[in-house]
Amino acid sequence: MRKLKYYIACTVDGFIAREDGSFDCFPMSGEHFADLFEFFPETIPAHVQKALGISPENKQFDAVLMGRNTYEVGLNVGLTNPYPSLKQYVFSRTMETSPDENVKLVSDNPVAFVKELKKEAGKDIWLCGGGNLAATLVSEIDEMIVKLNPVVIGAGIPVFGRAIEPTNLELVDRKIYSNGFMLLHYRLHK
């Protein structure tokens, strides 16, 4: 069965973005980017792939789940199809139509939808964000891969958008970089 992996960047104080959804507080360069590009190339947004002149293969994932706010980060700058090599699903109760034929809208019962998606053949499923969707789907998250950035911002959008049941994590892999960035891979125990 496929796994749902919450692959997310956050600050040391647990935020995935500022309160307005921006994430310019995260370092945009550093030695860790080579590993991220090597191990998770399909998570590079289309406009960055184009700028770099690459079309990476899907090594980890073949589907991506996004909440409306996460999807709108790209949509607000004209990016309707942010991950063209992945099946893209946007969870929203307010969007009536998808701005792109390659992006499927899911409006109800996200947990049931993900349970069915996990049964399908294929690579793992990337939960891209945001915090509210992660809190809704926490019962289905198998692993968390946290890109822990050496910065604090004091307020913003948390990794989980609301309180969840305490969940034990098992650290299965980690890498610490000289710039203070950490890549932490956890398995969730439910």
N, C-alpha and C. Protein backbone atom coordinates (compact mmCIF):
# COMPACT_ATOMS: atom_id res chain seq x y z
N MET A 1 0.83 -1.18 0.00
CA MET A 1 0.00 0.00 0.00
C MET A 1 0.89 1.25 0.00
N ARG A 2 0.43 2.26 -0.73
CA ARG A 2 1.17 3.53 -0.78
C ARG A 2 1.13 4.22 0.58
N LYS A 3 2.13 5.05 0.81
CA LYS A 3 2.20 5.81 2.06
C LYS A 3 1.90 7.28 1.79
N LEU A 4 1.29 7.91 2.78
CA LEU A 4 1.11 9.35 2.75
C LEU A 4 2.23 9.96 3.56
N LYS A 5 3.04 10.81 2.90
CA LYS A 5 4.20 11.42 3.55
C LYS A 5 4.02 12.94 3.57
N TYR A 6 4.08 13.47 4.77
CA TYR A 6 3.99 14.93 4.95
C TYR A 6 5.41 15.46 4.84
N TYR A 7 5.76 15.92 3.65
CA TYR A 7 7.09 16.47 3.34
C TYR A 7 6.95 17.97 3.39
N ILE A 8 7.51 18.56 4.44
CA ILE A 8 7.19 19.95 4.74
C ILE A 8 8.41 20.71 5.23
N ALA A 9 8.49 21.98 4.88
CA ALA A 9 9.51 22.88 5.43
C ALA A 9 8.90 23.64 6.59
N CYS A 10 9.67 23.81 7.64
CA CYS A 10 9.16 24.60 8.78
C CYS A 10 10.31 25.29 9.50
N THR A 11 9.91 26.22 10.36
CA THR A 11 10.87 26.93 11.20
C THR A 11 11.10 26.12 12.46
N VAL A 12 12.12 26.48 13.22
CA VAL A 12 12.40 25.80 14.49
C VAL A 12 11.21 25.93 15.45
N ASP A 13 10.46 27.04 15.35
CA ASP A 13 9.30 27.20 16.23
C ASP A 13 8.01 26.66 15.63
N GLY A 14 8.11 25.83 14.57
CA GLY A 14 6.99 25.03 14.10
C GLY A 14 6.04 25.66 13.11
N PHE A 15 6.49 26.63 12.33
CA PHE A 15 5.61 27.28 11.35
C PHE A 15 6.05 26.95 9.94
N ILE A 16 5.05 26.71 9.06
CA ILE A 16 5.34 26.39 7.66
C ILE A 16 5.31 27.64 6.77
N ALA A 17 4.81 28.73 7.32
CA ALA A 17 4.76 30.00 6.60
C ALA A 17 4.42 31.11 7.57
N ARG A 18 4.57 32.32 7.10
CA ARG A 18 4.12 33.47 7.89
C ARG A 18 2.59 33.47 7.92
N GLU A 19 2.00 34.32 8.75
CA GLU A 19 0.54 34.39 8.85
C GLU A 19 -0.12 34.71 7.51
N ASP A 20 0.55 35.48 6.65
CA ASP A 20 0.00 35.82 5.33
C ASP A 20 0.26 34.75 4.28
N GLY A 21 0.88 33.63 4.68
CA GLY A 21 1.17 32.53 3.76
C GLY A 21 2.53 32.62 3.10
N SER A 22 3.24 33.70 3.28
CA SER A 22 4.55 33.84 2.64
C SER A 22 5.59 33.00 3.39
N PHE A 23 6.61 32.62 2.67
CA PHE A 23 7.67 31.79 3.26
C PHE A 23 9.05 32.31 2.87
N ASP A 24 9.14 33.61 2.65
CA ASP A 24 10.41 34.22 2.28
C ASP A 24 11.41 34.23 3.44
N CYS A 25 10.96 33.79 4.60
CA CYS A 25 11.85 33.72 5.77
C CYS A 25 12.77 32.50 5.72
N PHE A 26 12.44 31.54 4.85
CA PHE A 26 13.27 30.35 4.75
C PHE A 26 14.49 30.64 3.87
N PRO A 27 15.66 30.13 4.26
CA PRO A 27 16.85 30.31 3.41
C PRO A 27 16.59 29.69 2.03
N MET A 28 16.91 30.43 0.99
CA MET A 28 16.66 29.97 -0.38
C MET A 28 17.93 29.45 -1.05
N SER A 29 18.97 29.25 -0.26
CA SER A 29 20.19 28.66 -0.80
C SER A 29 20.89 27.93 0.34
N GLY A 30 21.83 27.10 -0.02
CA GLY A 30 22.59 26.36 0.98
C GLY A 30 22.92 24.98 0.48
N GLU A 31 23.83 24.35 1.19
CA GLU A 31 24.31 23.03 0.77
C GLU A 31 23.23 21.97 0.76
N HIS A 32 22.17 22.14 1.55
CA HIS A 32 21.10 21.15 1.63
C HIS A 32 20.29 21.04 0.34
N PHE A 33 20.28 22.09 -0.47
CA PHE A 33 19.46 22.06 -1.69
C PHE A 33 19.90 20.96 -2.65
N ALA A 34 21.17 20.65 -2.72
CA ALA A 34 21.64 19.58 -3.60
C ALA A 34 20.97 18.25 -3.21
N ASP A 35 20.90 17.97 -1.92
CA ASP A 35 20.25 16.72 -1.47
C ASP A 35 18.76 16.75 -1.74
N LEU A 36 18.10 17.88 -1.47
CA LEU A 36 16.66 17.97 -1.72
C LEU A 36 16.36 17.76 -3.20
N PHE A 37 17.16 18.36 -4.07
CA PHE A 37 16.96 18.19 -5.51
C PHE A 37 17.23 16.76 -5.94
N GLU A 38 18.20 16.10 -5.29
CA GLU A 38 18.54 14.73 -5.66
C GLU A 38 17.49 13.73 -5.18
N PHE A 39 17.06 13.86 -3.92
CA PHE A 39 16.17 12.85 -3.33
C PHE A 39 14.70 13.14 -3.54
N PHE A 40 14.32 14.40 -3.76
CA PHE A 40 12.91 14.76 -3.92
C PHE A 40 12.72 15.68 -5.13
N PRO A 41 13.24 15.27 -6.30
CA PRO A 41 13.22 16.19 -7.45
C PRO A 41 11.82 16.56 -7.93
N GLU A 42 10.87 15.66 -7.77
CA GLU A 42 9.51 15.92 -8.24
C GLU A 42 8.79 16.97 -7.41
N THR A 43 9.37 17.35 -6.26
CA THR A 43 8.75 18.36 -5.41
C THR A 43 9.21 19.78 -5.77
N ILE A 44 10.03 19.89 -6.79
CA ILE A 44 10.46 21.21 -7.27
C ILE A 44 9.35 21.76 -8.15
N PRO A 45 8.80 22.93 -7.81
CA PRO A 45 7.71 23.49 -8.62
C PRO A 45 8.12 23.71 -10.08
N ALA A 46 7.13 23.66 -10.96
CA ALA A 46 7.36 23.73 -12.41
C ALA A 46 8.16 24.96 -12.83
N HIS A 47 7.86 26.12 -12.24
CA HIS A 47 8.56 27.34 -12.66
C HIS A 47 10.04 27.29 -12.27
N VAL A 48 10.37 26.59 -11.18
CA VAL A 48 11.77 26.44 -10.78
C VAL A 48 12.46 25.42 -11.69
N GLN A 49 11.75 24.34 -12.01
CA GLN A 49 12.30 23.36 -12.95
C GLN A 49 12.65 24.04 -14.27
N LYS A 50 11.73 24.87 -14.74
CA LYS A 50 11.95 25.57 -16.01
C LYS A 50 13.17 26.48 -15.92
N ALA A 51 13.27 27.24 -14.83
CA ALA A 51 14.40 28.16 -14.65
C ALA A 51 15.73 27.41 -14.60
N LEU A 52 15.70 26.20 -14.02
CA LEU A 52 16.92 25.40 -13.91
C LEU A 52 17.18 24.55 -15.16
N GLY A 53 16.19 24.50 -16.05
CA GLY A 53 16.35 23.71 -17.27
C GLY A 53 16.35 22.21 -17.01
N ILE A 54 15.54 21.77 -16.04
CA ILE A 54 15.49 20.34 -15.71
C ILE A 54 14.07 19.81 -15.84
N SER A 55 13.96 18.50 -16.06
CA SER A 55 12.68 17.80 -15.94
C SER A 55 12.95 16.52 -15.19
N PRO A 56 12.83 16.62 -13.87
CA PRO A 56 13.23 15.51 -13.02
C PRO A 56 12.25 14.33 -13.07
N GLU A 57 12.78 13.18 -12.71
CA GLU A 57 11.95 11.99 -12.61
C GLU A 57 11.26 11.97 -11.24
N ASN A 58 10.21 11.20 -11.15
CA ASN A 58 9.50 11.03 -9.88
C ASN A 58 10.18 9.91 -9.10
N LYS A 59 10.99 10.28 -8.11
CA LYS A 59 11.70 9.28 -7.32
C LYS A 59 10.89 8.78 -6.14
N GLN A 60 10.19 9.67 -5.46
CA GLN A 60 9.45 9.30 -4.24
C GLN A 60 7.95 9.26 -4.45
N PHE A 61 7.42 10.25 -5.16
CA PHE A 61 5.98 10.49 -5.22
C PHE A 61 5.46 10.50 -6.65
N ASP A 62 4.17 10.15 -6.79
CA ASP A 62 3.51 10.35 -8.07
C ASP A 62 2.19 11.10 -7.90
N ALA A 63 1.91 11.54 -6.67
CA ALA A 63 0.71 12.33 -6.39
C ALA A 63 1.03 13.35 -5.31
N VAL A 64 0.35 14.49 -5.38
CA VAL A 64 0.54 15.54 -4.39
C VAL A 64 -0.83 16.04 -3.92
N LEU A 65 -0.94 16.26 -2.61
CA LEU A 65 -2.16 16.79 -2.00
C LEU A 65 -1.86 18.18 -1.47
N MET A 66 -2.75 19.12 -1.78
CA MET A 66 -2.58 20.50 -1.31
C MET A 66 -3.91 21.02 -0.80
N GLY A 67 -3.86 21.79 0.26
CA GLY A 67 -5.01 22.57 0.66
C GLY A 67 -5.15 23.76 -0.28
N ARG A 68 -6.30 24.40 -0.26
CA ARG A 68 -6.54 25.54 -1.14
C ARG A 68 -5.50 26.64 -0.94
N ASN A 69 -5.20 26.99 0.31
CA ASN A 69 -4.25 28.07 0.57
C ASN A 69 -2.87 27.75 0.01
N THR A 70 -2.44 26.51 0.14
CA THR A 70 -1.14 26.10 -0.40
C THR A 70 -1.14 26.21 -1.92
N TYR A 71 -2.20 25.72 -2.55
CA TYR A 71 -2.30 25.79 -4.00
C TYR A 71 -2.32 27.24 -4.49
N GLU A 72 -3.00 28.10 -3.74
CA GLU A 72 -3.13 29.49 -4.17
C GLU A 72 -1.82 30.28 -4.12
N VAL A 73 -0.81 29.78 -3.41
CA VAL A 73 0.49 30.45 -3.42
C VAL A 73 0.99 30.54 -4.87
N GLY A 74 0.91 29.43 -5.60
CA GLY A 74 1.31 29.44 -7.00
C GLY A 74 0.28 30.07 -7.90
N LEU A 75 -0.99 29.80 -7.61
CA LEU A 75 -2.07 30.32 -8.44
C LEU A 75 -2.04 31.85 -8.49
N ASN A 76 -1.69 32.46 -7.37
CA ASN A 76 -1.65 33.93 -7.31
C ASN A 76 -0.57 34.55 -8.19
N VAL A 77 0.38 33.74 -8.64
CA VAL A 77 1.40 34.25 -9.57
C VAL A 77 1.27 33.57 -10.95
N GLY A 78 0.07 33.00 -11.21
CA GLY A 78 -0.22 32.42 -12.52
C GLY A 78 0.20 30.98 -12.71
N LEU A 79 0.58 30.30 -11.65
CA LEU A 79 1.03 28.91 -11.75
C LEU A 79 -0.16 28.00 -11.43
N THR A 80 -0.85 27.54 -12.46
CA THR A 80 -2.04 26.70 -12.26
C THR A 80 -1.71 25.22 -12.16
N ASN A 81 -0.55 24.82 -12.68
CA ASN A 81 -0.14 23.42 -12.73
C ASN A 81 1.25 23.31 -12.11
N PRO A 82 1.35 23.41 -10.76
CA PRO A 82 2.66 23.53 -10.12
C PRO A 82 3.55 22.29 -10.19
N TYR A 83 2.95 21.12 -10.26
CA TYR A 83 3.74 19.87 -10.25
C TYR A 83 3.27 18.98 -11.40
N PRO A 84 3.62 19.32 -12.63
CA PRO A 84 3.07 18.63 -13.80
C PRO A 84 3.38 17.14 -13.89
N SER A 85 4.42 16.66 -13.22
CA SER A 85 4.75 15.24 -13.29
C SER A 85 3.97 14.41 -12.26
N LEU A 86 3.19 15.10 -11.41
CA LEU A 86 2.43 14.41 -10.36
C LEU A 86 0.93 14.55 -10.60
N LYS A 87 0.16 13.58 -10.11
CA LYS A 87 -1.29 13.75 -10.03
C LYS A 87 -1.53 14.75 -8.90
N GLN A 88 -2.26 15.82 -9.20
CA GLN A 88 -2.42 16.91 -8.24
C GLN A 88 -3.87 16.98 -7.75
N TYR A 89 -4.00 17.06 -6.43
CA TYR A 89 -5.32 17.15 -5.80
C TYR A 89 -5.33 18.34 -4.86
N VAL A 90 -6.32 19.20 -5.03
CA VAL A 90 -6.49 20.35 -4.16
C VAL A 90 -7.77 20.14 -3.36
N PHE A 91 -7.65 20.26 -2.04
CA PHE A 91 -8.78 20.07 -1.14
C PHE A 91 -9.35 21.43 -0.78
N SER A 92 -10.60 21.64 -1.15
CA SER A 92 -11.25 22.92 -0.89
C SER A 92 -12.76 22.73 -0.85
N ARG A 93 -13.39 23.42 0.09
CA ARG A 93 -14.85 23.45 0.14
C ARG A 93 -15.38 24.70 -0.55
N THR A 94 -14.50 25.61 -0.95
CA THR A 94 -14.96 26.88 -1.53
C THR A 94 -14.66 27.03 -3.02
N MET A 95 -13.65 26.38 -3.53
CA MET A 95 -13.37 26.46 -4.98
C MET A 95 -14.43 25.66 -5.72
N GLU A 96 -15.00 26.25 -6.76
CA GLU A 96 -16.06 25.57 -7.51
C GLU A 96 -15.53 24.82 -8.72
N THR A 97 -14.48 25.35 -9.32
CA THR A 97 -13.88 24.68 -10.47
C THR A 97 -12.37 24.79 -10.37
N SER A 98 -11.71 23.83 -10.97
CA SER A 98 -10.25 23.85 -10.99
C SER A 98 -9.77 24.78 -12.09
N PRO A 99 -8.76 25.60 -11.81
CA PRO A 99 -8.22 26.48 -12.84
C PRO A 99 -7.39 25.74 -13.89
N ASP A 100 -7.16 24.44 -13.68
CA ASP A 100 -6.31 23.67 -14.60
C ASP A 100 -6.85 22.26 -14.70
N GLU A 101 -6.89 21.73 -15.91
CA GLU A 101 -7.40 20.37 -16.11
C GLU A 101 -6.54 19.31 -15.44
N ASN A 102 -5.29 19.64 -15.11
CA ASN A 102 -4.40 18.69 -14.45
C ASN A 102 -4.51 18.69 -12.93
N VAL A 103 -5.37 19.53 -12.40
CA VAL A 103 -5.54 19.65 -10.95
C VAL A 103 -6.98 19.27 -10.61
N LYS A 104 -7.12 18.22 -9.81
CA LYS A 104 -8.46 17.74 -9.43
C LYS A 104 -8.85 18.35 -8.08
N LEU A 105 -10.08 18.85 -8.02
CA LEU A 105 -10.60 19.38 -6.76
C LEU A 105 -11.27 18.26 -5.96
N VAL A 106 -11.03 18.26 -4.65
CA VAL A 106 -11.69 17.34 -3.73
C VAL A 106 -12.39 18.22 -2.70
N SER A 107 -13.72 18.09 -2.62
CA SER A 107 -14.47 19.00 -1.75
C SER A 107 -15.01 18.34 -0.49
N ASP A 108 -15.17 17.03 -0.48
CA ASP A 108 -15.63 16.42 0.76
C ASP A 108 -14.88 15.16 1.11
N ASN A 109 -14.97 14.86 2.38
CA ASN A 109 -14.41 13.66 2.99
C ASN A 109 -12.96 13.37 2.59
N PRO A 110 -12.05 14.25 2.97
CA PRO A 110 -10.65 14.05 2.59
C PRO A 110 -10.04 12.75 3.12
N VAL A 111 -10.44 12.32 4.31
CA VAL A 111 -9.87 11.09 4.87
C VAL A 111 -10.26 9.89 4.02
N ALA A 112 -11.53 9.79 3.66
CA ALA A 112 -11.98 8.67 2.82
C ALA A 112 -11.29 8.72 1.46
N PHE A 113 -11.14 9.92 0.90
CA PHE A 113 -10.47 10.07 -0.39
C PHE A 113 -9.03 9.55 -0.31
N VAL A 114 -8.31 9.94 0.73
CA VAL A 114 -6.92 9.52 0.88
C VAL A 114 -6.82 8.03 1.12
N LYS A 115 -7.73 7.46 1.90
CA LYS A 115 -7.72 6.00 2.11
C LYS A 115 -7.83 5.27 0.78
N GLU A 116 -8.69 5.74 -0.11
CA GLU A 116 -8.83 5.11 -1.42
C GLU A 116 -7.59 5.33 -2.28
N LEU A 117 -7.05 6.54 -2.23
CA LEU A 117 -5.85 6.86 -2.99
C LEU A 117 -4.67 5.98 -2.57
N LYS A 118 -4.56 5.71 -1.29
CA LYS A 118 -3.46 4.87 -0.78
C LYS A 118 -3.56 3.43 -1.28
N LYS A 119 -4.76 2.99 -1.63
CA LYS A 119 -4.96 1.62 -2.12
C LYS A 119 -4.53 1.46 -3.58
N GLU A 120 -4.46 2.56 -4.30
CA GLU A 120 -4.09 2.50 -5.71
C GLU A 120 -2.61 2.14 -5.86
N ALA A 121 -2.29 1.57 -6.99
CA ALA A 121 -0.89 1.25 -7.28
C ALA A 121 -0.14 2.54 -7.59
N GLY A 122 1.12 2.57 -7.23
CA GLY A 122 1.93 3.73 -7.56
C GLY A 122 2.94 4.05 -6.49
N LYS A 123 3.60 5.17 -6.68
CA LYS A 123 4.57 5.66 -5.70
C LYS A 123 3.82 6.28 -4.53
N ASP A 124 4.57 6.75 -3.54
CA ASP A 124 3.94 7.34 -2.37
C ASP A 124 3.26 8.66 -2.71
N ILE A 125 2.49 9.18 -1.76
CA ILE A 125 1.70 10.38 -1.92
C ILE A 125 2.31 11.48 -1.06
N TRP A 126 2.52 12.63 -1.65
CA TRP A 126 3.11 13.76 -0.96
C TRP A 126 2.02 14.69 -0.44
N LEU A 127 1.98 14.84 0.87
CA LEU A 127 1.12 15.87 1.47
C LEU A 127 1.98 17.13 1.52
N CYS A 128 1.68 18.07 0.64
CA CYS A 128 2.48 19.28 0.48
C CYS A 128 2.11 20.33 1.53
N GLY A 129 0.87 20.37 1.92
CA GLY A 129 0.39 21.35 2.89
C GLY A 129 -1.03 21.72 2.57
N GLY A 130 -1.59 22.48 3.38
CA GLY A 130 -1.09 23.17 4.52
C GLY A 130 -1.45 22.52 5.85
N GLY A 131 -1.30 23.34 6.86
CA GLY A 131 -1.48 22.88 8.23
C GLY A 131 -2.88 22.39 8.54
N ASN A 132 -3.89 23.04 7.98
CA ASN A 132 -5.27 22.58 8.24
C ASN A 132 -5.53 21.23 7.60
N LEU A 133 -5.06 21.05 6.37
CA LEU A 133 -5.23 19.77 5.70
C LEU A 133 -4.45 18.68 6.43
N ALA A 134 -3.26 19.00 6.90
CA ALA A 134 -2.45 18.02 7.65
C ALA A 134 -3.17 17.60 8.93
N ALA A 135 -3.79 18.55 9.63
CA ALA A 135 -4.53 18.21 10.85
C ALA A 135 -5.73 17.31 10.52
N THR A 136 -6.38 17.57 9.40
CA THR A 136 -7.51 16.74 8.99
C THR A 136 -7.07 15.33 8.63
N LEU A 137 -5.90 15.21 8.01
CA LEU A 137 -5.42 13.92 7.50
C LEU A 137 -4.43 13.22 8.42
N VAL A 138 -4.22 13.73 9.62
CA VAL A 138 -3.17 13.18 10.49
C VAL A 138 -3.33 11.68 10.71
N SER A 139 -4.55 11.17 10.74
CA SER A 139 -4.76 9.73 10.94
C SER A 139 -4.24 8.91 9.77
N GLU A 140 -4.05 9.53 8.62
CA GLU A 140 -3.58 8.83 7.42
C GLU A 140 -2.11 9.08 7.12
N ILE A 141 -1.47 10.00 7.84
CA ILE A 141 -0.06 10.29 7.58
C ILE A 141 0.79 9.15 8.13
N ASP A 142 1.60 8.56 7.26
CA ASP A 142 2.48 7.45 7.65
C ASP A 142 3.85 7.95 8.06
N GLU A 143 4.33 8.99 7.39
CA GLU A 143 5.67 9.50 7.66
C GLU A 143 5.66 11.02 7.52
N MET A 144 6.58 11.65 8.26
CA MET A 144 6.82 13.08 8.12
C MET A 144 8.28 13.27 7.76
N ILE A 145 8.52 14.05 6.74
CA ILE A 145 9.87 14.42 6.35
C ILE A 145 9.93 15.93 6.53
N VAL A 146 10.66 16.33 7.55
CA VAL A 146 10.66 17.73 7.97
C VAL A 146 11.96 18.39 7.53
N LYS A 147 11.81 19.47 6.78
CA LYS A 147 12.95 20.31 6.40
C LYS A 147 12.98 21.43 7.43
N LEU A 148 13.77 21.23 8.48
CA LEU A 148 13.80 22.16 9.60
C LEU A 148 14.80 23.28 9.32
N ASN A 149 14.27 24.47 9.13
CA ASN A 149 15.09 25.62 8.79
C ASN A 149 15.54 26.35 10.05
N PRO A 150 16.79 26.79 10.10
CA PRO A 150 17.33 27.43 11.29
C PRO A 150 16.87 28.89 11.43
N VAL A 151 15.58 29.05 11.63
CA VAL A 151 15.00 30.38 11.77
C VAL A 151 13.77 30.28 12.67
N VAL A 152 13.48 31.32 13.41
CA VAL A 152 12.25 31.42 14.19
C VAL A 152 11.51 32.67 13.70
N ILE A 153 10.17 32.60 13.69
CA ILE A 153 9.38 33.74 13.23
C ILE A 153 8.31 34.16 14.25
N GLY A 154 8.11 33.37 15.28
CA GLY A 154 7.22 33.77 16.36
C GLY A 154 5.75 33.58 16.14
N ALA A 155 5.29 33.63 14.90
CA ALA A 155 3.87 33.43 14.58
C ALA A 155 3.77 33.05 13.12
N GLY A 156 2.69 32.38 12.78
CA GLY A 156 2.50 31.99 11.39
C GLY A 156 1.54 30.84 11.29
N ILE A 157 1.65 30.09 10.19
CA ILE A 157 0.82 28.92 9.95
C ILE A 157 1.55 27.72 10.51
N PRO A 158 0.95 27.04 11.50
CA PRO A 158 1.65 25.92 12.13
C PRO A 158 1.67 24.66 11.26
N VAL A 159 2.58 23.76 11.59
CA VAL A 159 2.71 22.49 10.89
C VAL A 159 1.36 21.75 10.88
N PHE A 160 0.65 21.78 11.98
CA PHE A 160 -0.72 21.27 12.07
C PHE A 160 -1.60 22.44 12.47
N GLY A 161 -2.64 22.69 11.69
CA GLY A 161 -3.45 23.88 11.84
C GLY A 161 -4.35 23.94 13.06
N ARG A 162 -4.44 22.85 13.77
CA ARG A 162 -5.22 22.83 15.01
C ARG A 162 -4.70 21.69 15.87
N ALA A 163 -5.18 21.63 17.09
CA ALA A 163 -4.73 20.58 18.01
C ALA A 163 -5.08 19.21 17.44
N ILE A 164 -4.14 18.28 17.60
CA ILE A 164 -4.35 16.89 17.18
C ILE A 164 -4.04 16.00 18.38
N GLU A 165 -4.42 14.75 18.27
CA GLU A 165 -4.09 13.79 19.32
C GLU A 165 -2.57 13.61 19.36
N PRO A 166 -2.00 13.51 20.55
CA PRO A 166 -0.56 13.25 20.62
C PRO A 166 -0.19 12.00 19.82
N THR A 167 0.84 12.11 19.03
CA THR A 167 1.28 11.03 18.16
C THR A 167 2.78 10.84 18.34
N ASN A 168 3.19 9.63 18.63
CA ASN A 168 4.62 9.33 18.79
C ASN A 168 5.28 9.20 17.43
N LEU A 169 6.49 9.72 17.35
CA LEU A 169 7.26 9.66 16.12
C LEU A 169 8.53 8.85 16.36
N GLU A 170 8.91 8.11 15.35
CA GLU A 170 10.18 7.38 15.39
C GLU A 170 11.11 8.01 14.36
N LEU A 171 12.25 8.49 14.82
CA LEU A 171 13.22 9.08 13.90
C LEU A 171 13.89 7.94 13.13
N VAL A 172 13.70 7.91 11.81
CA VAL A 172 14.26 6.84 11.00
C VAL A 172 15.47 7.29 10.18
N ASP A 173 15.62 8.60 10.01
CA ASP A 173 16.78 9.12 9.30
C ASP A 173 16.90 10.61 9.58
N ARG A 174 18.13 11.11 9.47
CA ARG A 174 18.35 12.53 9.67
C ARG A 174 19.67 12.93 9.06
N LYS A 175 19.72 14.20 8.68
CA LYS A 175 20.96 14.77 8.20
C LYS A 175 21.00 16.22 8.67
N ILE A 176 22.11 16.59 9.27
CA ILE A 176 22.31 17.94 9.76
C ILE A 176 23.38 18.60 8.91
N TYR A 177 23.09 19.78 8.43
CA TYR A 177 23.99 20.49 7.54
C TYR A 177 24.73 21.59 8.30
N SER A 178 25.87 21.99 7.78
CA SER A 178 26.70 22.97 8.49
C SER A 178 26.02 24.34 8.63
N ASN A 179 25.03 24.63 7.79
CA ASN A 179 24.31 25.91 7.89
C ASN A 179 23.17 25.86 8.91
N GLY A 180 23.03 24.73 9.62
CA GLY A 180 21.99 24.60 10.63
C GLY A 180 20.70 23.97 10.14
N PHE A 181 20.56 23.79 8.83
CA PHE A 181 19.39 23.12 8.26
C PHE A 181 19.43 21.65 8.65
N MET A 182 18.25 21.09 8.97
CA MET A 182 18.16 19.66 9.28
C MET A 182 17.07 19.01 8.44
N LEU A 183 17.35 17.83 7.95
CA LEU A 183 16.37 17.02 7.25
C LEU A 183 16.06 15.84 8.16
N LEU A 184 14.84 15.81 8.67
CA LEU A 184 14.43 14.82 9.68
C LEU A 184 13.32 13.95 9.10
N HIS A 185 13.51 12.64 9.16
CA HIS A 185 12.54 11.70 8.60
C HIS A 185 11.96 10.87 9.74
N TYR A 186 10.66 11.00 9.95
CA TYR A 186 9.97 10.31 11.03
C TYR A 186 8.93 9.33 10.50
N ARG A 187 8.73 8.26 11.23
CA ARG A 187 7.61 7.35 11.02
C ARG A 187 6.62 7.64 12.14
N LEU A 188 5.35 7.75 11.82
CA LEU A 188 4.32 8.02 12.82
C LEU A 188 3.82 6.71 13.38
N HIS A 189 3.67 6.67 14.70
CA HIS A 189 3.11 5.50 15.37
C HIS A 189 1.72 5.88 15.86
N LYS A 190 0.75 5.13 15.40
CA LYS A 190 -0.64 5.46 15.73
C LYS A 190 -1.22 4.44 16.67
